[in-house]
Amino acid sequence: MSRGTRTYRLELWHDGLKKHRVIRSNDAAIVERKARLQAHDWAEKWAMTQGREASRQERTQKKEHQESQKALAAERTAEAEAALEALENILAHTLGVSKVIDWESLKDRTDFPEPAPTLEPASKAPPAEPDPKRYKPDITFLDRFLSSRRERKIADAARRYESARLAWQKQMKRRAEDQRNREKQLDADVLEWKRSRDAFLSGQADSNAAVDQQREAYEARDPGAILDYCDLVLSNSEYPEWMPKEWDLDYNPENGILIVEYSLPSLDQIPRMSEVRYVQSRDDFAEKVLPDAQLRTLYDAVAYQIVLRTVHELLEADTVAALEAVVFNGRVTSVDPRTGHETTACILSLQAPRREFLAINLAHVAPKACFKALKGVGSSKLHSLTPMAPILQMRRDDGRFVSAREVANTLDDSVNLAAMDWEEFEHLVRELFEREFTTSGGEVKVTQTSRDGGVDAIAFDPDPIRGGKIVIQAKRYTNTVGVAAVRDLYGTVMNEGATKGILVTTSDYGPDAYAFAKDKPLTLLNGANLLHLLGKHGIRAKIDIHEARRLMGL
């Protein structure tokens, strides 16, 4: 109000537009009307501003998306080009890189992962001992003249102090007991930790000792160790993830020839994308692939390079010169377009003598010409997958194999496996596993009886994932099988170049045996497992350890 006249005032703000206005009038209705008009005007301007901002953000986001898609297309193109370049340099990639196995790198040098247990501090600080000064009686002026009253206060203070002191002593006693319990638990934890550590170190030492044994066997040119060494060499060879990386090996120590049955990729496994472009008009990618003719040429070049690379890696890594020659049989698994069925065919074969091959300068050869100069055989168009006979095939014969005897059909519930003839037991195990592997096309052969803890049977499982050469040992025992027998099996697996070992017994295994077999390619089957497996194949028998001991006079 000014000079007797009432004035109305309204202040408006708009934070988004950063606008400010003060409306004044002697009439409240006019102020209100102007305020509504101003608010409406600002709202329209703000909406327009927001629309322009949204449109600008949309254009920015669209541009950023397009740039991102272009970058992604360029990245995928670079990856495709790198993949094709890698195919063209499969052979060159391995040259100049030693393939000799570093035995020490195979050993486990890791520390025991669990830290030693420690005594955790108490959760709370110890309570302070009660201070007698805090329990002094409050003696007033009047108490000095009234002795009875003063004595009561003194006695009451003494009682409160003694009560607090007793409570403190109980707390300290509980803390001491808790400390003793924690120390006792720590002793138990440390003992368990030491057991775990010792078991870890023992297993580590056994594993490292097995590496040393493997190295010594290789340096002694043991046939099984030679196979195992060659398998390690091929396993260490780096190829693109889409490559099959599957092979089977056979070694003849009499002539020093190693046969490699190697799985080559099929034509449809070869990467053929060469470029990726981003099509802005439809916000999508367009992929450019190699023409069929160029793809087939690339496939043949890849196959020839794999042959030479594999032979090179094996001979270059052979420090004991056990390999006089390497035979490479390249097989391809694909779907036959004529039948629609999967088929596997050998499409090329090469026998490379050691001296002749090592004299070649692989850095400057044309892979196909080199293959032909080494008298390799294969179709002129490998991509046609034309089958052909290998120069040499893997042998399944072994001088230790003997004729098998049928035992299972003579068994019934009355036959105690723990008391049967040990040679009959070995043939029973062979027959059992023959039935187990027959469904997958496998083969099981029993070896000559030697009673020396060596190989009792060998299984050949053709399964590409879990298969290979499997060593089987049978122990008709009436006592617990110790860790020594399991160690012997592991050594045999290494020497035979097998992929797995199976130990079968009529009794059971000690904890040290199970601990040693852990994390190794070993399977331990006890008496219960054996009866279950026999029952699976309709073979009835029993295992009575006490009866067997009595019959054997043990």
Protein backbone atom coordinates (compact mmCIF):
# COMPACT_ATOMS: atom_id res chain seq x y z
CA MET A 1 0.00 0.00 0.00
CA SER A 2 1.36 3.39 -0.95
CA ARG A 3 -0.14 6.74 0.10
CA GLY A 4 -3.34 5.04 1.13
CA THR A 5 -3.63 2.98 -2.14
CA ARG A 6 -3.36 -0.87 -2.01
CA THR A 7 -0.87 -2.31 -4.54
CA TYR A 8 -0.66 -5.97 -5.49
CA ARG A 9 2.69 -7.49 -6.45
CA LEU A 10 3.57 -10.95 -7.89
CA GLU A 11 7.08 -12.14 -8.76
CA LEU A 12 7.47 -14.90 -11.40
CA TRP A 13 10.48 -17.12 -12.32
CA HIS A 14 11.11 -19.74 -15.03
CA ASP A 15 14.33 -21.64 -14.31
CA GLY A 16 14.45 -23.38 -17.70
CA LEU A 17 14.19 -20.13 -19.70
CA LYS A 18 16.03 -18.21 -17.01
CA LYS A 19 13.25 -15.60 -17.03
CA HIS A 20 12.13 -13.31 -14.21
CA ARG A 21 9.26 -10.77 -14.02
CA VAL A 22 7.53 -8.70 -11.34
CA ILE A 23 3.85 -7.86 -11.95
CA ARG A 24 2.27 -4.94 -10.03
CA SER A 25 -1.23 -3.53 -10.07
CA ASN A 26 -3.81 -1.91 -7.84
CA ASP A 27 -6.22 -4.62 -8.99
CA ALA A 28 -5.55 -8.19 -7.81
CA ALA A 29 -7.53 -9.66 -10.71
CA ILE A 30 -5.32 -7.85 -13.21
CA VAL A 31 -2.19 -9.21 -11.51
CA GLU A 32 -3.60 -12.73 -11.61
CA ARG A 33 -4.61 -12.44 -15.31
CA LYS A 34 -1.19 -11.10 -16.33
CA ALA A 35 0.50 -13.86 -14.38
CA ARG A 36 -1.55 -16.55 -16.19
CA LEU A 37 -0.78 -15.01 -19.56
CA GLN A 38 2.93 -14.82 -18.74
CA ALA A 39 3.00 -18.41 -17.50
CA HIS A 40 1.24 -19.62 -20.66
CA ASP A 41 3.69 -17.69 -22.86
CA TRP A 42 6.67 -19.08 -21.04
CA ALA A 43 5.24 -22.62 -21.24
CA GLU A 44 4.88 -22.38 -25.03
CA LYS A 45 8.40 -21.04 -25.39
CA TRP A 46 9.75 -23.77 -23.12
CA ALA A 47 7.96 -26.48 -25.12
CA MET A 48 9.44 -25.14 -28.35
CA THR A 49 12.87 -25.01 -26.76
CA GLN A 50 12.52 -28.59 -25.51
CA GLY A 51 11.35 -29.75 -28.93
CA ARG A 52 14.34 -28.16 -30.64
CA GLU A 53 16.62 -29.74 -28.00
CA ALA A 54 15.02 -33.17 -28.43
CA SER A 55 15.40 -32.91 -32.19
CA ARG A 56 19.01 -31.86 -31.80
CA GLN A 57 19.69 -34.75 -29.40
CA GLU A 58 17.96 -37.18 -31.77
CA ARG A 59 20.13 -36.00 -34.67
CA THR A 60 23.22 -36.26 -32.48
CA GLN A 61 22.30 -39.74 -31.30
CA LYS A 62 21.58 -40.88 -34.85
CA LYS A 63 24.92 -39.57 -36.02
CA GLU A 64 26.72 -41.18 -33.11
CA HIS A 65 24.94 -44.50 -33.86
CA GLN A 66 25.94 -44.33 -37.50
CA GLU A 67 29.54 -43.55 -36.61
CA SER A 68 29.54 -46.42 -34.13
CA GLN A 69 28.17 -48.83 -36.74
CA LYS A 70 30.75 -47.67 -39.26
CA ALA A 71 33.50 -48.26 -36.69
CA LEU A 72 32.06 -51.71 -35.94
CA ALA A 73 32.01 -52.54 -39.65
CA ALA A 74 35.64 -51.43 -39.95
CA GLU A 75 36.54 -53.54 -36.92
CA ARG A 76 34.83 -56.63 -38.33
CA THR A 77 36.52 -56.03 -41.66
CA ALA A 78 39.90 -55.85 -39.93
CA GLU A 79 39.13 -59.10 -38.09
CA ALA A 80 38.12 -60.80 -41.34
CA GLU A 81 41.26 -59.61 -43.09
CA ALA A 82 43.38 -60.80 -40.14
CA ALA A 83 41.69 -64.22 -40.22
CA LEU A 84 42.36 -64.60 -43.94
CA GLU A 85 45.95 -63.41 -43.51
CA ALA A 86 46.44 -65.95 -40.71
CA LEU A 87 45.28 -68.71 -43.07
CA GLU A 88 47.77 -67.63 -45.69
CA ASN A 89 50.55 -67.71 -43.06
CA ILE A 90 49.76 -70.95 -41.23
CA LEU A 91 53.15 -72.37 -42.15
CA ALA A 92 55.13 -69.15 -41.70
CA HIS A 93 53.59 -68.64 -38.24
CA THR A 94 55.48 -71.60 -36.79
CA LEU A 95 58.86 -71.01 -38.43
CA GLY A 96 61.50 -69.59 -36.12
CA VAL A 97 59.53 -70.65 -33.03
CA SER A 98 61.04 -73.55 -31.12
CA LYS A 99 58.68 -76.46 -30.61
CA VAL A 100 61.01 -78.35 -28.28
CA ILE A 101 59.11 -79.26 -25.12
CA ASP A 102 60.31 -77.33 -22.07
CA TRP A 103 59.96 -80.01 -19.42
CA GLU A 104 60.34 -77.59 -16.55
CA SER A 105 57.38 -75.56 -17.80
CA LEU A 106 55.22 -78.67 -17.42
CA LYS A 107 55.91 -78.81 -13.71
CA ASP A 108 53.60 -77.29 -11.16
CA ARG A 109 55.46 -74.55 -9.28
CA THR A 110 52.47 -72.89 -7.68
CA ASP A 111 52.45 -72.19 -3.97
CA PHE A 112 49.84 -73.71 -1.71
CA PRO A 113 46.93 -71.32 -2.24
CA GLU A 114 45.50 -71.29 1.29
CA PRO A 115 47.15 -68.89 3.78
CA ALA A 116 48.11 -70.29 7.16
CA PRO A 117 45.43 -69.78 9.82
CA THR A 118 46.08 -67.00 12.33
CA LEU A 119 44.58 -66.14 15.69
CA GLU A 120 41.96 -63.49 15.22
CA PRO A 121 41.99 -60.72 17.83
CA ALA A 122 39.24 -60.62 20.42
CA SER A 123 36.13 -58.82 19.23
CA LYS A 124 36.20 -56.32 22.11
CA ALA A 125 38.85 -54.73 24.28
CA PRO A 126 39.09 -56.18 27.81
CA PRO A 127 36.97 -54.34 30.40
CA ALA A 128 38.79 -52.11 32.80
CA GLU A 129 39.14 -53.23 36.37
CA PRO A 130 36.72 -51.31 38.65
CA ASP A 131 38.34 -48.23 40.24
CA PRO A 132 37.74 -48.08 44.01
CA LYS A 133 37.72 -44.31 43.81
CA ARG A 134 34.47 -44.44 41.82
CA TYR A 135 32.80 -46.28 44.70
CA LYS A 136 33.69 -43.89 47.54
CA PRO A 137 30.66 -43.10 49.74
CA ASP A 138 29.13 -39.65 49.47
CA ILE A 139 29.68 -38.40 53.03
CA THR A 140 27.71 -35.24 53.74
CA PHE A 141 28.16 -32.75 56.51
CA LEU A 142 25.38 -34.42 58.44
CA ASP A 143 26.97 -37.89 58.03
CA ARG A 144 29.97 -36.72 59.98
CA PHE A 145 27.84 -36.35 63.06
CA LEU A 146 25.64 -39.43 62.50
CA SER A 147 28.02 -42.37 62.63
CA SER A 148 25.41 -45.05 61.88
CA ARG A 149 24.37 -43.29 58.72
CA ARG A 150 27.98 -42.78 57.70
CA GLU A 151 28.78 -46.48 58.30
CA ARG A 152 25.82 -47.56 56.18
CA LYS A 153 27.02 -45.44 53.29
CA ILE A 154 30.55 -46.79 53.66
CA ALA A 155 29.28 -50.42 53.75
CA ASP A 156 26.98 -49.84 50.78
CA ALA A 157 29.85 -48.38 48.73
CA ALA A 158 32.03 -51.35 49.65
CA ARG A 159 29.30 -53.79 48.54
CA ARG A 160 28.86 -52.02 45.20
CA TYR A 161 32.61 -52.07 44.60
CA GLU A 162 32.86 -55.77 45.49
CA SER A 163 29.91 -56.60 43.20
CA ALA A 164 31.48 -54.70 40.32
CA ARG A 165 34.82 -56.38 40.99
CA LEU A 166 33.25 -59.88 40.98
CA ALA A 167 31.43 -59.10 37.72
CA TRP A 168 34.73 -57.93 36.22
CA GLN A 169 36.50 -61.10 37.36
CA LYS A 170 33.78 -63.23 35.71
CA GLN A 171 34.16 -61.30 32.49
CA MET A 172 37.91 -61.77 32.54
CA LYS A 173 37.47 -65.47 33.25
CA ARG A 174 35.11 -65.79 30.28
CA ARG A 175 37.58 -63.91 28.09
CA ALA A 176 40.40 -66.20 29.20
CA GLU A 177 38.27 -69.26 28.44
CA ASP A 178 37.31 -67.81 25.05
CA GLN A 179 40.98 -67.15 24.35
CA ARG A 180 41.86 -70.74 25.21
CA ASN A 181 39.06 -72.03 22.96
CA ARG A 182 40.20 -69.82 20.10
CA GLU A 183 43.79 -70.99 20.55
CA LYS A 184 42.58 -74.59 20.63
CA GLN A 185 40.58 -74.01 17.44
CA LEU A 186 43.62 -72.36 15.90
CA ASP A 187 45.73 -75.43 16.69
CA ALA A 188 43.10 -77.62 14.98
CA ASP A 189 42.91 -75.27 11.99
CA VAL A 190 46.71 -75.18 11.67
CA LEU A 191 46.85 -78.98 11.84
CA GLU A 192 44.21 -79.29 9.11
CA TRP A 193 45.96 -76.63 7.05
CA LYS A 194 49.26 -78.48 7.33
CA ARG A 195 47.56 -81.70 6.24
CA SER A 196 46.05 -79.97 3.22
CA ARG A 197 49.34 -78.27 2.42
CA ASP A 198 51.30 -81.52 2.74
CA ALA A 199 48.77 -83.32 0.52
CA PHE A 200 49.02 -80.49 -2.02
CA LEU A 201 52.82 -80.54 -1.97
CA SER A 202 52.89 -84.34 -2.13
CA GLY A 203 50.58 -84.35 -5.14
CA GLN A 204 52.63 -81.58 -6.70
CA ALA A 205 55.84 -83.53 -6.10
CA ASP A 206 54.29 -86.69 -7.58
CA SER A 207 53.12 -84.75 -10.62
CA ASN A 208 56.53 -83.15 -11.10
CA ALA A 209 58.24 -86.51 -10.58
CA ALA A 210 56.00 -87.94 -13.30
CA VAL A 211 57.21 -85.18 -15.62
CA ASP A 212 60.82 -86.14 -14.84
CA GLN A 213 59.97 -89.79 -15.48
CA GLN A 214 58.32 -88.82 -18.74
CA ARG A 215 61.40 -86.82 -19.78
CA GLU A 216 63.75 -89.68 -18.85
CA ALA A 217 61.58 -92.15 -20.76
CA TYR A 218 61.61 -89.88 -23.80
CA GLU A 219 65.37 -89.40 -23.65
CA ALA A 220 65.69 -93.20 -23.40
CA ARG A 221 63.57 -93.32 -26.59
CA ASP A 222 60.83 -95.38 -24.98
CA PRO A 223 58.14 -95.85 -27.69
CA GLY A 224 55.28 -94.84 -25.43
CA ALA A 225 57.15 -91.75 -24.27
CA ILE A 226 57.95 -90.83 -27.89
CA LEU A 227 54.23 -90.89 -28.68
CA ASP A 228 53.41 -88.84 -25.61
CA TYR A 229 56.09 -86.30 -26.49
CA CYS A 230 54.81 -85.93 -30.04
CA ASP A 231 51.29 -85.46 -28.71
CA LEU A 232 52.56 -82.65 -26.46
CA VAL A 233 54.23 -80.99 -29.43
CA LEU A 234 51.02 -81.00 -31.46
CA SER A 235 48.98 -79.86 -28.46
CA ASN A 236 51.24 -76.82 -28.08
CA SER A 237 50.75 -75.83 -31.71
CA GLU A 238 48.59 -72.71 -31.96
CA TYR A 239 45.81 -72.71 -34.52
CA PRO A 240 42.58 -70.68 -34.88
CA GLU A 241 39.80 -71.80 -32.54
CA TRP A 242 37.66 -73.17 -35.38
CA MET A 243 40.33 -75.72 -36.35
CA PRO A 244 39.49 -79.32 -35.30
CA LYS A 245 42.88 -79.91 -33.56
CA GLU A 246 42.34 -83.68 -33.41
CA TRP A 247 44.84 -86.39 -34.26
CA ASP A 248 45.88 -89.94 -33.55
CA LEU A 249 49.49 -91.12 -33.40
CA ASP A 250 51.31 -94.40 -33.88
CA TYR A 251 55.06 -95.01 -33.64
CA ASN A 252 57.08 -97.96 -34.85
CA PRO A 253 60.38 -98.07 -32.92
CA GLU A 254 61.84 -100.62 -35.32
CA ASN A 255 61.95 -98.21 -38.27
CA GLY A 256 61.43 -94.88 -36.44
CA ILE A 257 58.31 -93.99 -38.44
CA LEU A 258 55.63 -91.86 -36.78
CA ILE A 259 52.17 -92.01 -38.35
CA VAL A 260 49.91 -89.00 -37.79
CA GLU A 261 46.20 -89.36 -38.53
CA TYR A 262 45.28 -85.68 -38.58
CA SER A 263 41.81 -84.11 -38.81
CA LEU A 264 41.79 -81.34 -41.40
CA PRO A 265 39.00 -78.73 -41.49
CA SER A 266 36.17 -79.16 -43.94
CA LEU A 267 35.50 -76.57 -46.64
CA ASP A 268 32.58 -75.02 -44.75
CA GLN A 269 34.79 -74.43 -41.67
CA ILE A 270 37.13 -72.09 -43.55
CA PRO A 271 36.37 -68.40 -42.82
CA ARG A 272 35.37 -66.74 -46.07
CA MET A 273 34.19 -63.26 -45.05
CA SER A 274 36.45 -60.57 -46.52
CA GLU A 275 34.69 -57.29 -45.81
CA VAL A 276 31.83 -55.80 -43.79
CA ARG A 277 30.16 -52.54 -44.86
CA TYR A 278 27.60 -50.47 -42.99
CA VAL A 279 24.56 -49.58 -45.13
CA GLN A 280 23.28 -46.34 -43.65
CA SER A 281 20.00 -46.29 -45.61
CA ARG A 282 18.73 -49.46 -43.94
CA ASP A 283 20.84 -49.34 -40.79
CA ASP A 284 22.28 -52.79 -41.42
CA PHE A 285 25.52 -54.54 -42.34
CA ALA A 286 26.41 -56.06 -45.70
CA GLU A 287 28.99 -58.85 -45.69
CA LYS A 288 31.24 -59.58 -48.62
CA VAL A 289 32.60 -63.14 -48.88
CA LEU A 290 35.26 -64.80 -50.99
CA PRO A 291 34.04 -66.18 -54.32
CA ASP A 292 33.70 -69.97 -54.37
CA ALA A 293 36.72 -70.38 -56.65
CA GLN A 294 38.93 -68.27 -54.36
CA LEU A 295 37.65 -70.14 -51.30
CA ARG A 296 38.53 -73.51 -52.84
CA THR A 297 42.01 -72.26 -53.71
CA LEU A 298 42.45 -71.00 -50.16
CA TYR A 299 41.29 -74.35 -48.76
CA ASP A 300 43.89 -76.28 -50.73
CA ALA A 301 46.62 -73.86 -49.64
CA VAL A 302 45.59 -74.26 -45.99
CA ALA A 303 45.66 -78.07 -46.21
CA TYR A 304 49.14 -78.16 -47.77
CA GLN A 305 50.45 -75.73 -45.15
CA ILE A 306 49.04 -77.81 -42.28
CA VAL A 307 50.82 -80.90 -43.61
CA LEU A 308 54.22 -79.20 -43.84
CA ARG A 309 53.75 -77.36 -40.54
CA THR A 310 52.84 -80.54 -38.63
CA VAL A 311 55.81 -82.49 -39.99
CA HIS A 312 58.12 -79.53 -39.32
CA GLU A 313 56.99 -79.14 -35.71
CA LEU A 314 57.40 -82.85 -34.96
CA LEU A 315 60.86 -83.20 -36.49
CA GLU A 316 62.12 -79.85 -35.18
CA ALA A 317 61.06 -80.75 -31.64
CA ASP A 318 62.53 -84.28 -31.76
CA THR A 319 65.73 -83.67 -29.80
CA VAL A 320 66.60 -87.37 -29.48
CA ALA A 321 66.18 -88.00 -33.22
CA ALA A 322 63.73 -90.85 -32.60
CA LEU A 323 61.73 -90.01 -35.73
CA GLU A 324 63.32 -91.23 -38.94
CA ALA A 325 60.25 -90.23 -40.91
CA VAL A 326 56.79 -88.78 -40.35
CA VAL A 327 53.75 -90.03 -42.25
CA PHE A 328 50.91 -87.51 -42.34
CA ASN A 329 47.46 -88.75 -43.28
CA GLY A 330 45.00 -85.85 -43.56
CA ARG A 331 41.41 -86.85 -43.01
CA VAL A 332 38.29 -84.68 -43.36
CA THR A 333 34.90 -85.27 -41.77
CA SER A 334 32.07 -83.72 -43.73
CA VAL A 335 28.53 -84.34 -44.90
CA ASP A 336 28.36 -86.18 -48.22
CA PRO A 337 25.97 -84.12 -50.40
CA ARG A 338 24.98 -87.26 -52.28
CA THR A 339 23.75 -89.18 -49.22
CA GLY A 340 23.35 -86.49 -46.55
CA HIS A 341 25.39 -88.66 -44.17
CA GLU A 342 28.55 -87.68 -42.35
CA THR A 343 31.64 -89.32 -43.77
CA THR A 344 35.37 -89.26 -43.06
CA ALA A 345 37.91 -89.59 -45.86
CA CYS A 346 41.68 -89.39 -46.16
CA ILE A 347 42.31 -86.73 -48.83
CA LEU A 348 46.11 -86.54 -48.76
CA SER A 349 49.08 -88.49 -47.47
CA LEU A 350 52.78 -87.68 -47.15
CA GLN A 351 55.80 -89.62 -45.95
CA ALA A 352 58.58 -87.16 -45.06
CA PRO A 353 62.04 -88.63 -44.31
CA ARG A 354 63.81 -86.75 -41.53
CA ARG A 355 67.02 -85.83 -43.33
CA GLU A 356 65.32 -84.82 -46.58
CA PHE A 357 62.65 -82.72 -44.88
CA LEU A 358 64.99 -80.86 -42.52
CA ALA A 359 67.09 -79.82 -45.50
CA ILE A 360 64.15 -77.84 -46.93
CA ASN A 361 63.95 -74.07 -46.38
CA LEU A 362 60.26 -73.83 -45.56
CA ALA A 363 60.35 -70.03 -45.41
CA HIS A 364 60.59 -69.83 -49.19
CA VAL A 365 58.72 -72.87 -50.51
CA ALA A 366 55.42 -73.06 -52.34
CA PRO A 367 53.51 -75.50 -50.05
CA LYS A 368 51.81 -77.47 -52.83
CA ALA A 369 55.01 -77.77 -54.88
CA CYS A 370 56.94 -78.85 -51.77
CA PHE A 371 54.28 -81.46 -50.98
CA LYS A 372 54.50 -82.87 -54.50
CA ALA A 373 58.32 -82.85 -54.45
CA LEU A 374 58.21 -84.99 -51.30
CA LYS A 375 56.10 -87.52 -53.25
CA GLY A 376 52.92 -86.65 -51.34
CA VAL A 377 49.72 -88.15 -52.71
CA GLY A 378 46.42 -86.35 -52.98
CA SER A 379 43.88 -85.11 -55.47
CA SER A 380 44.84 -82.10 -57.56
CA LYS A 381 41.79 -80.44 -55.99
CA LEU A 382 41.83 -81.20 -52.30
CA HIS A 383 38.58 -79.30 -51.77
CA SER A 384 36.81 -82.03 -53.73
CA LEU A 385 37.51 -84.33 -50.74
CA THR A 386 38.38 -87.22 -53.04
CA PRO A 387 39.25 -90.25 -50.84
CA MET A 388 42.56 -91.99 -51.33
CA ALA A 389 44.59 -94.73 -49.67
CA PRO A 390 47.16 -93.49 -47.12
CA ILE A 391 50.82 -94.24 -47.73
CA LEU A 392 50.94 -95.99 -44.34
CA GLN A 393 48.10 -96.71 -41.93
CA MET A 394 48.11 -96.96 -38.16
CA ARG A 395 48.70 -100.44 -36.84
CA ARG A 396 46.60 -102.00 -34.12
CA ASP A 397 48.86 -104.98 -33.58
CA ASP A 398 51.05 -105.32 -30.52
CA GLY A 399 53.39 -108.24 -29.85
CA ARG A 400 52.14 -108.38 -26.29
CA PHE A 401 48.55 -109.14 -27.31
CA VAL A 402 47.33 -112.71 -26.80
CA SER A 403 44.14 -114.55 -27.66
CA ALA A 404 41.28 -113.73 -25.36
CA ARG A 405 39.35 -116.32 -23.36
CA GLU A 406 35.64 -116.08 -22.61
CA VAL A 407 35.09 -116.14 -18.87
CA ALA A 408 31.85 -114.27 -18.20
CA ASN A 409 29.57 -117.09 -19.39
CA THR A 410 31.04 -119.40 -16.70
CA LEU A 411 30.07 -117.09 -13.82
CA ASP A 412 27.08 -117.11 -11.51
CA ASP A 413 26.20 -115.91 -8.01
CA SER A 414 28.37 -118.63 -6.47
CA VAL A 415 31.64 -117.48 -8.08
CA ASN A 416 33.75 -115.36 -5.74
CA LEU A 417 35.81 -113.00 -7.90
CA ALA A 418 38.22 -112.34 -5.02
CA ALA A 419 39.21 -116.04 -5.01
CA MET A 420 39.24 -116.83 -8.74
CA ASP A 421 42.44 -117.52 -10.70
CA TRP A 422 44.25 -114.23 -11.30
CA GLU A 423 44.69 -114.95 -15.02
CA GLU A 424 41.00 -115.78 -15.36
CA PHE A 425 40.24 -112.50 -13.57
CA GLU A 426 42.31 -110.50 -16.09
CA HIS A 427 40.44 -112.11 -18.99
CA LEU A 428 37.13 -111.35 -17.25
CA VAL A 429 38.07 -107.68 -16.98
CA ARG A 430 39.08 -107.64 -20.65
CA GLU A 431 35.74 -109.19 -21.64
CA LEU A 432 33.82 -106.75 -19.44
CA PHE A 433 35.43 -103.69 -21.00
CA GLU A 434 35.07 -105.19 -24.46
CA ARG A 435 31.31 -105.23 -23.90
CA GLU A 436 31.49 -101.68 -22.53
CA PHE A 437 33.37 -100.29 -25.55
CA THR A 438 31.70 -102.39 -28.26
CA THR A 439 28.74 -100.02 -28.55
CA SER A 440 31.07 -97.19 -29.67
CA GLY A 441 33.13 -99.32 -32.04
CA GLY A 442 35.98 -99.78 -29.58
CA GLU A 443 38.37 -102.68 -29.23
CA VAL A 444 39.96 -104.29 -26.15
CA LYS A 445 42.93 -106.66 -26.22
CA VAL A 446 44.50 -108.57 -23.33
CA THR A 447 48.29 -108.69 -23.02
CA GLN A 448 50.57 -111.54 -22.07
CA THR A 449 50.39 -112.44 -18.40
CA SER A 450 53.54 -111.26 -16.72
CA ARG A 451 52.48 -110.66 -13.08
CA ASP A 452 54.86 -107.70 -13.07
CA GLY A 453 52.31 -104.96 -12.59
CA GLY A 454 52.46 -103.97 -16.25
CA VAL A 455 49.68 -103.63 -18.81
CA ASP A 456 46.91 -106.23 -18.52
CA ALA A 457 44.72 -104.94 -21.34
CA ILE A 458 44.61 -102.10 -23.84
CA ALA A 459 41.43 -100.51 -25.16
CA PHE A 460 41.20 -98.50 -28.36
CA ASP A 461 38.24 -96.13 -28.16
CA PRO A 462 37.55 -94.33 -31.47
CA ASP A 463 35.46 -91.59 -29.85
CA PRO A 464 37.10 -88.29 -30.95
CA ILE A 465 36.47 -86.58 -27.60
CA ARG A 466 36.86 -89.14 -24.83
CA GLY A 467 38.58 -91.87 -26.81
CA GLY A 468 42.12 -92.92 -27.59
CA LYS A 469 44.38 -95.55 -26.12
CA ILE A 470 43.32 -96.70 -22.64
CA VAL A 471 45.47 -98.83 -20.33
CA ILE A 472 43.54 -101.28 -18.13
CA GLN A 473 45.07 -103.09 -15.16
CA ALA A 474 43.32 -105.77 -13.09
CA LYS A 475 44.24 -106.46 -9.45
CA ARG A 476 42.52 -109.43 -7.84
CA TYR A 477 43.33 -108.36 -4.28
CA THR A 478 41.96 -109.24 -0.87
CA ASN A 479 43.75 -106.33 0.79
CA THR A 480 43.40 -102.59 0.31
CA VAL A 481 45.21 -101.35 -2.79
CA GLY A 482 47.87 -98.81 -1.87
CA VAL A 483 49.18 -95.78 -3.67
CA ALA A 484 52.13 -97.74 -5.16
CA ALA A 485 49.84 -99.62 -7.56
CA VAL A 486 48.21 -96.36 -8.66
CA ARG A 487 51.63 -94.75 -9.22
CA ASP A 488 52.62 -97.77 -11.34
CA LEU A 489 49.47 -97.35 -13.42
CA TYR A 490 50.20 -93.66 -13.97
CA GLY A 491 53.75 -94.46 -15.06
CA THR A 492 52.42 -97.08 -17.47
CA VAL A 493 49.92 -94.60 -18.92
CA MET A 494 52.78 -92.16 -19.52
CA ASN A 495 55.06 -94.80 -21.03
CA GLU A 496 52.33 -96.19 -23.29
CA GLY A 497 51.35 -92.75 -24.53
CA ALA A 498 47.79 -93.54 -23.46
CA THR A 499 45.05 -91.02 -22.84
CA LYS A 500 43.72 -92.74 -19.72
CA GLY A 501 44.35 -95.52 -17.21
CA ILE A 502 41.79 -97.75 -15.45
CA LEU A 503 42.62 -99.83 -12.38
CA VAL A 504 40.14 -102.56 -11.41
CA THR A 505 40.30 -104.47 -8.13
CA THR A 506 38.12 -106.83 -6.13
CA SER A 507 38.93 -104.97 -2.90
CA ASP A 508 39.13 -101.19 -2.35
CA TYR A 509 41.69 -98.37 -2.37
CA GLY A 510 43.30 -96.47 0.44
CA PRO A 511 42.83 -92.70 0.82
CA ASP A 512 46.37 -92.09 -0.42
CA ALA A 513 45.54 -93.96 -3.62
CA TYR A 514 42.44 -91.85 -4.25
CA ALA A 515 44.38 -88.67 -3.43
CA PHE A 516 47.11 -89.53 -5.95
CA ALA A 517 44.59 -90.33 -8.71
CA LYS A 518 42.80 -87.01 -8.25
CA ASP A 519 43.22 -84.62 -11.20
CA LYS A 520 45.03 -87.32 -13.22
CA PRO A 521 43.68 -89.30 -16.20
CA LEU A 522 43.09 -92.30 -13.92
CA THR A 523 39.91 -94.16 -12.93
CA LEU A 524 39.87 -96.41 -9.87
CA LEU A 525 37.15 -99.10 -9.82
CA ASN A 526 36.73 -100.98 -6.54
CA GLY A 527 34.86 -104.22 -5.91
CA ALA A 528 31.47 -102.52 -5.68
CA ASN A 529 32.08 -100.65 -8.94
CA LEU A 530 33.16 -103.90 -10.61
CA LEU A 531 30.00 -105.77 -9.53
CA HIS A 532 27.85 -102.86 -10.74
CA LEU A 533 29.56 -102.84 -14.14
CA LEU A 534 29.21 -106.62 -14.43
CA GLY A 535 25.53 -106.38 -13.55
CA LYS A 536 25.07 -103.70 -16.22
CA HIS A 537 26.14 -106.29 -18.81
CA GLY A 538 24.16 -109.16 -17.29
CA ILE A 539 27.14 -110.90 -15.65
CA ARG A 540 26.43 -112.34 -12.19
CA ALA A 541 29.11 -112.93 -9.56
CA LYS A 542 30.00 -112.04 -5.99
CA ILE A 543 32.94 -110.69 -4.02
CA ASP A 544 33.55 -112.12 -0.56
CA ILE A 545 36.92 -110.96 0.78
CA HIS A 546 36.71 -112.99 4.02
CA GLU A 547 35.93 -116.20 2.14
CA ALA A 548 38.77 -115.55 -0.30
CA ARG A 549 41.25 -114.99 2.51
CA ARG A 550 40.13 -118.21 4.20
CA LEU A 551 40.46 -120.20 0.95
CA MET A 552 43.93 -118.74 0.34
CA GLY A 553 45.00 -119.45 3.89
CA LEU A 554 45.55 -115.77 4.67
